[in-house]
Protein backbone atom coordinates (compact mmCIF):
# COMPACT_ATOMS: atom_id res chain seq x y z
CA UNK A 1 -15.37 -11.30 23.73
CA UNK A 2 -13.86 -10.26 20.01
CA UNK A 3 -10.77 -10.86 18.90
CA UNK A 4 -9.28 -7.97 18.63
CA UNK A 5 -11.56 -6.24 20.90
CA UNK A 6 -8.90 -4.99 23.71
CA UNK A 7 -5.86 -5.29 21.47
CA UNK A 8 -4.42 -2.00 20.61
CA UNK A 9 -3.72 -2.67 16.66
CA UNK A 10 -6.50 -2.08 13.74
CA UNK A 11 -7.44 -5.39 11.88
CA UNK A 12 -8.30 -4.69 8.14
CA UNK A 13 -9.40 -7.12 5.78
CA UNK A 14 -10.69 -7.57 2.11
CA UNK A 15 -12.85 -10.52 0.93
CA UNK A 16 -14.08 -11.09 -2.56
CA UNK A 17 -17.65 -12.54 -1.17
CA UNK A 18 -18.63 -13.82 -4.68
CA UNK A 19 -22.46 -12.54 -4.02
CA UNK A 20 -23.31 -10.32 -0.92
CA UNK A 21 -26.93 -11.79 -0.28
CA UNK A 22 -25.85 -15.35 -1.75
CA UNK A 23 -23.52 -15.69 0.84
CA UNK A 24 -25.07 -13.29 4.02
CA UNK A 25 -24.74 -16.56 6.18
CA UNK A 26 -20.70 -16.76 5.40
CA UNK A 27 -20.10 -13.39 5.41
CA UNK A 28 -21.79 -12.66 9.39
CA UNK A 29 -20.25 -16.34 10.51
CA UNK A 30 -16.50 -14.85 9.58
CA UNK A 31 -17.86 -11.19 10.71
CA UNK A 32 -18.81 -12.45 14.36
CA UNK A 33 -15.64 -15.03 14.28
CA UNK A 34 -13.17 -12.60 13.42
CA UNK A 35 -14.23 -8.77 14.17
CA UNK A 36 -11.78 -7.15 11.56
CA UNK A 37 -12.23 -3.10 12.36
CA UNK A 38 -12.48 -2.59 8.16
CA UNK A 39 -13.60 -4.88 5.45
CA UNK A 40 -13.05 -4.36 2.19
CA UNK A 41 -15.89 -6.50 -0.18
CA UNK A 42 -15.94 -7.37 -3.77
CA UNK A 43 -18.66 -8.83 -6.55
CA UNK A 44 -21.58 -8.23 -4.41
CA UNK A 45 -23.46 -9.11 -6.94
CA UNK A 46 -26.14 -6.69 -6.13
CA UNK A 47 -28.06 -3.94 -7.31
CA UNK A 48 -27.75 -0.44 -5.01
CA UNK A 49 -30.93 -0.98 -3.57
CA UNK A 50 -30.59 -4.70 -3.01
CA UNK A 51 -27.13 -4.27 -0.48
CA UNK A 52 -28.00 -6.71 3.06
CA UNK A 53 -27.72 -3.19 4.87
CA UNK A 54 -29.69 -3.90 8.00
CA UNK A 55 -27.70 -7.31 8.39
CA UNK A 56 -24.20 -5.85 8.14
CA UNK A 57 -25.30 -3.12 10.68
CA UNK A 58 -27.05 -5.43 12.90
CA UNK A 59 -23.74 -7.17 13.00
CA UNK A 60 -21.96 -3.84 14.42
CA UNK A 61 -20.81 -2.66 10.80
CA UNK A 62 -21.46 1.00 9.40
CA UNK A 63 -20.93 0.78 4.78
CA UNK A 64 -20.60 2.61 2.05
CA UNK A 65 -21.07 0.46 -0.98
CA UNK A 66 -21.38 0.95 -4.90
CA UNK A 67 -23.74 -1.64 -6.45
CA UNK A 68 -24.67 -3.48 -9.80
CA UNK A 69 -26.79 -5.83 -10.69
CA UNK A 70 -25.68 -9.16 -11.51
CA UNK A 71 -22.14 -8.11 -11.48
CA UNK A 72 -19.00 -6.35 -9.75
CA UNK A 73 -19.92 -3.91 -6.78
CA UNK A 74 -18.05 -3.68 -3.94
CA UNK A 75 -17.91 -2.03 -0.67
CA UNK A 76 -16.34 -1.15 2.76
CA UNK A 77 -17.12 -1.66 6.09
CA UNK A 78 -16.00 0.11 9.85
CA UNK A 79 -17.02 -1.27 12.74
CA UNK A 80 -17.55 1.45 15.64
CA UNK A 81 -15.70 4.35 13.11
CA UNK A 82 -17.44 6.67 10.85
CA UNK A 83 -17.03 6.08 7.46
CA UNK A 84 -16.42 9.41 5.42
CA UNK A 85 -16.86 8.19 1.29
CA UNK A 86 -14.22 10.22 -1.08
CA UNK A 87 -15.16 8.81 -3.90
CA UNK A 88 -17.55 5.35 -5.62
CA UNK A 89 -15.79 5.60 -9.23
CA UNK A 90 -12.08 5.69 -10.36
CA UNK A 91 -11.08 8.62 -12.39
CA UNK A 92 -10.03 8.79 -15.80
CA UNK A 93 -13.08 7.35 -17.71
CA UNK A 94 -16.72 8.89 -16.88
CA UNK A 95 -18.50 6.18 -19.47
CA UNK A 96 -17.27 3.30 -17.24
CA UNK A 97 -20.59 1.92 -16.10
CA UNK A 98 -18.83 -0.83 -13.64
CA UNK A 99 -19.04 -0.74 -10.12
CA UNK A 100 -15.33 -1.57 -9.19
CA UNK A 101 -14.05 1.06 -6.85
CA UNK A 102 -15.17 2.75 -3.88
CA UNK A 103 -12.37 5.05 -1.34
CA UNK A 104 -13.21 6.48 1.82
CA UNK A 105 -11.53 7.68 5.03
CA UNK A 106 -11.71 5.62 7.90
CA UNK A 107 -9.97 6.33 11.17
CA UNK A 108 -7.05 8.81 9.35
CA UNK A 109 -6.58 6.54 6.99
CA UNK A 110 -7.09 6.56 3.14
CA UNK A 111 -9.01 3.01 2.10
CA UNK A 112 -9.18 2.05 -1.65
CA UNK A 113 -10.96 -1.07 -2.07
CA UNK A 114 -11.17 -2.09 -5.83
CA UNK A 115 -12.22 -4.87 -7.68
CA UNK A 116 -9.98 -4.97 -10.97
CA UNK A 117 -10.87 -6.29 -14.19
CA UNK A 118 -10.70 -9.89 -15.01
CA UNK A 119 -9.61 -9.44 -18.62
CA UNK A 120 -10.38 -12.70 -20.05
CA UNK A 121 -10.59 -14.07 -22.96
CA UNK A 122 -6.90 -12.57 -24.15
CA UNK A 123 -6.28 -11.01 -25.96
CA UNK A 124 -9.65 -9.13 -26.73
CA UNK A 125 -11.31 -6.16 -25.66
CA UNK A 126 -11.84 -7.56 -22.26
CA UNK A 127 -7.66 -7.73 -21.87
CA UNK A 128 -7.81 -3.84 -23.11
CA UNK A 129 -10.08 -3.04 -20.86
CA UNK A 130 -8.25 -4.57 -18.09
CA UNK A 131 -5.34 -2.67 -18.84
CA UNK A 132 -6.99 1.07 -19.58
CA UNK A 133 -8.50 0.23 -15.82
CA UNK A 134 -4.77 -0.53 -14.54
CA UNK A 135 -3.48 2.94 -16.03
CA UNK A 136 -6.07 4.75 -14.22
CA UNK A 137 -5.64 2.84 -11.11
CA UNK A 138 -1.54 3.69 -11.60
CA UNK A 139 -2.79 7.54 -12.20
CA UNK A 140 -4.90 7.53 -9.06
CA UNK A 141 -2.56 5.73 -6.56
CA UNK A 142 0.09 8.00 -7.89
CA UNK A 143 -1.96 10.66 -6.79
CA UNK A 144 -2.90 9.32 -3.34
CA UNK A 145 0.72 8.70 -2.31
CA UNK A 146 1.28 12.11 -3.41
CA UNK A 147 -1.25 13.12 -0.33
CA UNK A 148 1.69 11.90 2.02
CA UNK A 149 -1.24 10.43 4.50
CA UNK A 150 -1.68 6.66 5.37
CA UNK A 151 -3.18 5.02 2.19
CA UNK A 152 -4.48 1.30 1.32
CA UNK A 153 -5.24 -0.09 -1.64
CA UNK A 154 -7.03 -3.42 -1.11
CA UNK A 155 -9.24 -6.01 -3.04
CA UNK A 156 -9.45 -8.34 -5.72
CA UNK A 157 -6.44 -7.56 -8.13
CA UNK A 158 -7.11 -10.47 -10.77
CA UNK A 159 -3.13 -10.36 -10.98
CA UNK A 160 -0.84 -13.04 -9.82
CA UNK A 161 2.37 -10.99 -9.29
CA UNK A 162 4.74 -13.95 -9.67
CA UNK A 163 5.33 -17.45 -10.23
CA UNK A 164 5.25 -18.36 -6.35
CA UNK A 165 1.44 -16.84 -6.31
CA UNK A 166 -0.06 -19.53 -8.77
CA UNK A 167 -0.18 -23.15 -8.37
CA UNK A 168 1.71 -24.40 -11.46
CA UNK A 169 2.34 -21.54 -13.03
CA UNK A 170 2.91 -23.08 -17.04
CA UNK A 171 -0.77 -23.45 -17.10
CA UNK A 172 -1.35 -20.08 -16.86
CA UNK A 173 0.70 -18.30 -18.75
CA UNK A 174 -1.84 -17.10 -21.46
CA UNK A 175 -4.33 -16.27 -18.61
CA UNK A 176 -5.04 -12.54 -18.37
CA UNK A 177 -4.61 -13.29 -14.70
CA UNK A 178 -0.40 -13.90 -15.31
CA UNK A 179 0.04 -12.24 -18.85
CA UNK A 180 3.64 -10.20 -18.27
CA UNK A 181 1.95 -6.87 -18.99
CA UNK A 182 -0.42 -7.58 -16.56
CA UNK A 183 2.45 -8.55 -14.00
CA UNK A 184 5.02 -5.85 -15.00
CA UNK A 185 1.48 -3.21 -14.40
CA UNK A 186 1.20 -4.45 -11.06
CA UNK A 187 5.07 -4.58 -10.41
CA UNK A 188 4.93 -0.53 -11.63
CA UNK A 189 2.19 0.21 -9.65
CA UNK A 190 3.86 -1.05 -6.43
CA UNK A 191 7.12 0.45 -7.39
CA UNK A 192 5.78 3.91 -6.93
CA UNK A 193 6.14 3.21 -3.20
CA UNK A 194 3.88 0.99 -2.31
CA UNK A 195 4.29 -2.53 -0.03
CA UNK A 196 2.94 -5.96 -0.55
CA UNK A 197 1.96 -6.20 2.59
CA UNK A 198 1.41 -10.06 2.45
CA UNK A 199 5.02 -10.83 0.18
CA UNK A 200 6.67 -7.69 2.88
CA UNK A 201 6.39 -10.15 5.72
CA UNK A 202 6.13 -13.98 4.07
CA UNK A 203 8.60 -13.10 0.76
CA UNK A 204 8.93 -16.71 0.07
CA UNK A 205 5.92 -18.78 1.49
CA UNK A 206 3.26 -20.40 -1.02
CA UNK A 207 0.35 -18.44 -0.03
CA UNK A 208 -3.56 -18.91 -1.97
CA UNK A 209 -6.45 -16.62 -1.17
CA UNK A 210 -8.50 -17.96 -4.27
CA UNK A 211 -9.16 -21.85 -5.00
CA UNK A 212 -11.51 -22.96 -8.42
CA UNK A 213 -14.87 -24.32 -7.29
CA UNK A 214 -13.48 -27.13 -9.72
CA UNK A 215 -11.09 -29.90 -10.09
CA UNK A 216 -10.96 -30.11 -5.96
CA UNK A 217 -8.84 -26.95 -6.51
CA UNK A 218 -9.32 -26.35 -2.38
CA UNK A 219 -8.15 -29.85 -0.96
CA UNK A 220 -5.39 -29.95 -3.39
CA UNK A 221 -4.43 -26.77 -2.72
CA UNK A 222 -4.51 -25.64 -6.35
CA UNK A 223 -4.76 -21.83 -5.45
CA UNK A 224 -3.59 -18.25 -6.73
CA UNK A 225 -2.80 -15.27 -5.01
CA UNK A 226 -5.16 -12.43 -6.63
CA UNK A 227 -6.29 -10.43 -3.15
CA UNK A 228 -3.63 -7.93 -2.20
CA UNK A 229 -2.67 -5.15 -0.05
CA UNK A 230 -1.06 -2.49 -0.77
CA UNK A 231 0.29 -0.18 1.33
CA UNK A 232 1.26 3.63 1.74
CA UNK A 233 4.67 4.28 3.31
CA UNK A 234 3.09 5.73 6.59
CA UNK A 235 1.17 2.42 6.89
CA UNK A 236 4.01 0.04 5.67
CA UNK A 237 5.88 1.23 8.57
CA UNK A 238 3.20 0.23 10.73
CA UNK A 239 2.45 -3.46 9.69
CA UNK A 240 2.53 -6.03 12.26
CA UNK A 241 1.05 -9.20 10.60
CA UNK A 242 -0.92 -10.29 7.74
CA UNK A 243 -2.52 -13.67 7.24
CA UNK A 244 -5.52 -15.41 5.13
CA UNK A 245 -8.56 -17.25 6.60
CA UNK A 246 -8.04 -20.40 4.15
CA UNK A 247 -10.41 -21.90 6.53
CA UNK A 248 -13.32 -19.84 5.57
CA UNK A 249 -12.76 -20.94 1.83
CA UNK A 250 -13.57 -24.59 3.24
CA UNK A 251 -17.18 -23.46 4.58
CA UNK A 252 -20.27 -24.83 2.79
CA UNK A 253 -21.72 -22.19 -0.02
CA UNK A 254 -19.11 -20.44 0.87
CA UNK A 255 -16.74 -18.11 -1.67
CA UNK A 256 -14.09 -19.30 -4.00
CA UNK A 257 -12.32 -16.38 -2.19
CA UNK A 258 -10.71 -16.55 1.31
CA UNK A 259 -10.67 -13.28 3.26
CA UNK A 260 -7.02 -11.65 3.31
CA UNK A 261 -6.34 -9.43 6.32
CA UNK A 262 -3.60 -7.17 7.68
CA UNK A 263 -2.91 -5.80 11.29
CA UNK A 264 -1.52 -2.06 11.70
CA UNK A 265 -0.58 -0.44 15.06
CA UNK A 266 -1.96 2.74 15.70
CA UNK A 267 -1.17 5.74 13.53
């Protein structure tokens, strides 16, 4: 029996898989173990035609995805539910060719899966791209909030919102994931009316979602919290629980991120 097979809540997860084909066994093992209803994936690192749809289908999931050769790529999976794709590009820059955003309607909820740019090295064009992408996201997020419908923004935001979200923050002051202007953009986005799911339930706990492959970071718990759920008011009031499947980071040939998930009561 799947863990949430007879529960009356909905489990939604986000996972930067860091290569959907190279780490397919890890993904499938985690799906079998935890059986989330909806999964947002980032960093597929696979062109559109190389997404492992059959394996995903065989695991019980429908999928929509936006691939890109070598880099980026996002997908949304749903178990026993239809996925109605809304858009696979973040509005605001018709010349942006990077696959970093996909939005769909699932079970009456608009779910936006995003992979926000890293921005390093900073300063430079990559940071400029990140800041412009953030502005486009904020504009889209405001439109989604205005719909007065349940909305979830989930994914790898490449931002540590506060010092609590980073091991030894003094070492990150010049990094594009922790620059004041980047953190300000995240704070301004949240201030539109979004709820940071993890922080709303655990305001003071050290919780990480990413551990580098180097310097034994996972064993030392030298991590970052960069994978987030932002919930519209309609979803936030239904939030039941949230956590990180930290142990998955310890599996062999695994991603440097761990899956993050929320559970919500029926809408």
